[in-house]
Amino acid sequence: MNKKKLIIFAFCLLVIPNLAFALNVSFGNPVGTTGDITTFFETVLTGILNIIAFLAVLFIVIGGVIYLMASSSGNDNLVSTAKKIWTGALIGLALALAGPTFLREIKEIVLNGGPMPTSLDDAPTLSEIVTRGLTFLLSIIGLLAIISLTISGISYLSSFGDSTKVEKAKQNIFYALLGILIAGASLILVRQISLFITG
């Protein structure tokens, strides 16, 4: 090591740590004055939702520009790319907007609408959490099954005698009803098992 580098190294080693300890550095509370962890997560969630909404709008605009370029040039690959960008942006935006709803439902499942338990006696049992979770999942499955039944019914009505469309619609209706049956049976089975284990 030459002499100049050695002097710079010694200077950094002796002076910079002393400057660092002499500074009075303070960090603000990102939660605010309350110090509540729930407020912190709500602040973070709001920031993430704002970023996702901005990015979704940006990608919708980018998809529109690509679509305009594709339609003027007649390029089918660019049209397909623009549609994929729009689809991804809309799905991402829908998932981001549904995020707080899912978090609220998870809080409802775990805390049953009450405050955070401060003692072991106030905490919900595992069977209660599992039962609430399955009830929530059953409601989602029921909603999806109703949507699937509606789409299958519309497809069945608009088949206009086409045997392949009729068979596909019947098959979708069968699978939607089977999904409802399996979801209901699994909820009953898990409740019975939890009652058997907990007495």
Protein backbone atom coordinates (compact mmCIF):
# COMPACT_ATOMS: atom_id res chain seq x y z
CA MET A 1 0.00 0.00 0.00
CA ASN A 2 1.49 3.34 -0.89
CA LYS A 3 1.89 6.23 1.51
CA LYS A 4 -1.02 8.32 0.21
CA LYS A 5 -3.55 5.48 0.56
CA LEU A 6 -2.24 4.72 4.05
CA ILE A 7 -2.78 8.33 5.17
CA ILE A 8 -6.33 8.38 3.74
CA PHE A 9 -7.10 5.06 5.43
CA ALA A 10 -5.79 6.30 8.81
CA PHE A 11 -7.76 9.53 8.47
CA CYS A 12 -10.97 7.62 7.74
CA LEU A 13 -10.30 5.22 10.57
CA LEU A 14 -9.73 7.97 13.14
CA VAL A 15 -11.97 10.85 12.07
CA ILE A 16 -15.14 9.33 10.58
CA PRO A 17 -16.15 7.25 13.66
CA ASN A 18 -15.69 10.33 15.87
CA LEU A 19 -17.91 12.35 13.54
CA ALA A 20 -20.52 9.62 13.57
CA PHE A 21 -20.65 9.51 17.37
CA ALA A 22 -20.75 13.31 17.58
CA LEU A 23 -23.88 13.54 15.45
CA ASN A 24 -27.26 13.57 17.11
CA VAL A 25 -29.36 11.39 14.82
CA SER A 26 -33.01 10.71 15.53
CA PHE A 27 -35.51 8.69 13.57
CA GLY A 28 -39.18 9.58 13.54
CA ASN A 29 -41.81 7.04 14.44
CA PRO A 30 -43.30 5.79 11.15
CA VAL A 31 -46.51 4.91 12.98
CA GLY A 32 -47.04 8.39 14.31
CA THR A 33 -47.65 9.33 17.90
CA THR A 34 -49.88 6.40 18.82
CA GLY A 35 -47.30 3.63 18.52
CA ASP A 36 -50.05 1.17 17.61
CA ILE A 37 -48.95 -1.71 15.38
CA THR A 38 -52.35 -1.76 13.66
CA THR A 39 -51.92 1.87 12.63
CA PHE A 40 -48.46 1.04 11.30
CA PHE A 41 -49.78 -1.79 9.12
CA GLU A 42 -52.67 0.35 7.90
CA THR A 43 -50.20 3.07 6.91
CA VAL A 44 -48.01 0.56 5.08
CA LEU A 45 -51.05 -0.99 3.38
CA THR A 46 -52.30 2.42 2.24
CA GLY A 47 -48.87 3.22 0.78
CA ILE A 48 -48.72 -0.11 -1.05
CA LEU A 49 -52.25 0.37 -2.41
CA ASN A 50 -51.32 3.84 -3.71
CA ILE A 51 -48.25 2.43 -5.46
CA ILE A 52 -50.25 -0.43 -7.00
CA ALA A 53 -53.01 1.92 -8.17
CA PHE A 54 -50.44 4.23 -9.78
CA LEU A 55 -48.68 1.31 -11.49
CA ALA A 56 -51.98 -0.15 -12.70
CA VAL A 57 -53.03 3.14 -14.27
CA LEU A 58 -49.56 3.52 -15.78
CA PHE A 59 -49.69 0.05 -17.33
CA ILE A 60 -53.22 0.63 -18.64
CA VAL A 61 -51.95 3.77 -20.38
CA ILE A 62 -48.89 1.89 -21.71
CA GLY A 63 -51.19 -0.87 -22.98
CA GLY A 64 -53.35 1.75 -24.69
CA VAL A 65 -50.35 3.31 -26.42
CA ILE A 66 -49.14 -0.12 -27.56
CA TYR A 67 -52.65 -0.94 -28.79
CA LEU A 68 -52.79 2.30 -30.80
CA MET A 69 -49.39 1.55 -32.31
CA ALA A 70 -50.48 -2.00 -33.13
CA SER A 71 -53.78 -0.98 -34.70
CA SER A 72 -52.11 1.59 -36.92
CA SER A 73 -49.42 -0.86 -38.07
CA GLY A 74 -51.61 -3.98 -38.15
CA ASN A 75 -49.22 -5.95 -35.92
CA ASP A 76 -51.15 -8.78 -34.21
CA ASN A 77 -48.31 -9.50 -31.77
CA LEU A 78 -48.49 -5.97 -30.39
CA VAL A 79 -52.28 -6.23 -30.05
CA SER A 80 -51.83 -9.43 -28.06
CA THR A 81 -49.17 -7.76 -25.89
CA ALA A 82 -51.44 -4.78 -25.22
CA LYS A 83 -54.28 -7.07 -24.16
CA LYS A 84 -51.94 -8.97 -21.82
CA ILE A 85 -50.77 -5.70 -20.27
CA TRP A 86 -54.37 -4.57 -19.73
CA THR A 87 -55.36 -7.93 -18.26
CA GLY A 88 -52.40 -7.99 -15.88
CA ALA A 89 -52.96 -4.40 -14.77
CA LEU A 90 -56.67 -4.96 -14.11
CA ILE A 91 -56.08 -8.23 -12.25
CA GLY A 92 -53.36 -6.60 -10.14
CA LEU A 93 -55.60 -3.65 -9.35
CA ALA A 94 -58.50 -5.94 -8.42
CA LEU A 95 -56.27 -8.01 -6.12
CA ALA A 96 -54.87 -4.88 -4.50
CA LEU A 97 -58.34 -3.50 -3.88
CA ALA A 98 -59.47 -6.85 -2.46
CA GLY A 99 -56.44 -7.02 -0.13
CA PRO A 100 -57.90 -4.96 2.74
CA THR A 101 -61.09 -7.03 2.62
CA PHE A 102 -59.10 -10.25 2.96
CA LEU A 103 -57.04 -8.75 5.80
CA ARG A 104 -60.21 -7.72 7.61
CA GLU A 105 -61.61 -11.23 7.19
CA ILE A 106 -58.38 -12.76 8.50
CA LYS A 107 -58.58 -10.44 11.52
CA GLU A 108 -62.20 -11.51 12.01
CA ILE A 109 -61.18 -15.17 11.80
CA VAL A 110 -58.34 -14.86 14.29
CA LEU A 111 -59.75 -12.23 16.68
CA ASN A 112 -63.51 -12.67 16.11
CA GLY A 113 -63.95 -8.91 15.82
CA GLY A 114 -62.48 -8.23 19.25
CA PRO A 115 -59.24 -6.65 20.41
CA MET A 116 -55.91 -8.44 20.56
CA PRO A 117 -56.06 -10.88 23.50
CA THR A 118 -53.87 -9.92 26.44
CA SER A 119 -54.15 -13.20 28.34
CA LEU A 120 -54.23 -16.87 27.40
CA ASP A 121 -57.83 -17.20 28.56
CA ASP A 122 -58.96 -14.55 26.06
CA ALA A 123 -57.16 -16.13 23.09
CA PRO A 124 -59.33 -18.15 20.68
CA THR A 125 -58.82 -21.88 20.53
CA LEU A 126 -57.38 -23.60 17.50
CA SER A 127 -60.71 -25.23 16.68
CA GLU A 128 -62.45 -21.82 16.73
CA ILE A 129 -59.85 -20.38 14.34
CA VAL A 130 -60.13 -23.40 12.02
CA THR A 131 -63.95 -23.27 12.07
CA ARG A 132 -64.00 -19.53 11.31
CA GLY A 133 -61.41 -20.00 8.57
CA LEU A 134 -63.41 -22.78 6.97
CA THR A 135 -66.58 -20.71 7.16
CA PHE A 136 -64.78 -17.90 5.34
CA LEU A 137 -63.44 -20.31 2.71
CA LEU A 138 -66.89 -21.82 2.30
CA SER A 139 -68.35 -18.37 1.65
CA ILE A 140 -65.70 -17.72 -1.01
CA ILE A 141 -66.33 -21.13 -2.60
CA GLY A 142 -70.07 -20.47 -2.52
CA LEU A 143 -69.59 -17.09 -4.21
CA LEU A 144 -67.35 -18.61 -6.88
CA ALA A 145 -69.84 -21.45 -7.40
CA ILE A 146 -72.72 -19.00 -7.86
CA ILE A 147 -70.64 -17.05 -10.40
CA SER A 148 -69.75 -20.30 -12.18
CA LEU A 149 -73.37 -21.44 -12.19
CA THR A 150 -74.48 -18.08 -13.62
CA ILE A 151 -71.85 -18.14 -16.37
CA SER A 152 -72.67 -21.78 -17.16
CA GLY A 153 -76.38 -20.96 -17.30
CA ILE A 154 -75.76 -18.08 -19.70
CA SER A 155 -73.52 -20.33 -21.78
CA TYR A 156 -76.22 -23.02 -21.79
CA LEU A 157 -78.89 -20.53 -22.88
CA SER A 158 -76.70 -19.01 -25.58
CA SER A 159 -75.54 -22.33 -27.03
CA PHE A 160 -78.30 -22.23 -29.69
CA GLY A 161 -78.41 -26.00 -30.03
CA ASP A 162 -74.65 -26.46 -30.42
CA SER A 163 -74.11 -29.84 -28.75
CA THR A 164 -70.49 -29.16 -27.71
CA LYS A 165 -71.45 -25.90 -25.98
CA VAL A 166 -74.41 -27.59 -24.27
CA GLU A 167 -72.22 -30.43 -22.99
CA LYS A 168 -69.55 -28.02 -21.78
CA ALA A 169 -72.17 -25.91 -19.95
CA LYS A 170 -73.66 -29.04 -18.33
CA GLN A 171 -70.19 -30.15 -17.28
CA ASN A 172 -69.45 -26.74 -15.72
CA ILE A 173 -72.76 -26.79 -13.85
CA PHE A 174 -71.96 -30.28 -12.55
CA TYR A 175 -68.50 -29.22 -11.35
CA ALA A 176 -69.87 -26.09 -9.65
CA LEU A 177 -72.47 -28.15 -7.77
CA LEU A 178 -69.83 -30.75 -6.91
CA GLY A 179 -67.56 -28.00 -5.54
CA ILE A 180 -70.37 -26.73 -3.29
CA LEU A 181 -71.04 -30.28 -2.08
CA ILE A 182 -67.36 -30.99 -1.32
CA ALA A 183 -66.93 -27.64 0.46
CA GLY A 184 -69.98 -28.23 2.64
CA ALA A 185 -68.94 -31.79 3.42
CA SER A 186 -65.41 -30.70 4.36
CA LEU A 187 -66.78 -28.04 6.70
CA ILE A 188 -69.02 -30.58 8.43
CA LEU A 189 -66.18 -33.10 8.63
CA VAL A 190 -63.70 -30.64 10.15
CA ARG A 191 -66.27 -29.41 12.67
CA GLN A 192 -66.99 -32.98 13.73
CA ILE A 193 -63.28 -33.77 14.05
CA SER A 194 -62.70 -30.61 16.13
CA LEU A 195 -65.66 -31.49 18.37
CA PHE A 196 -64.30 -35.03 18.76
CA ILE A 197 -60.82 -33.77 19.70
CA THR A 198 -61.91 -30.96 22.02
CA GLY A 199 -64.80 -32.87 23.53
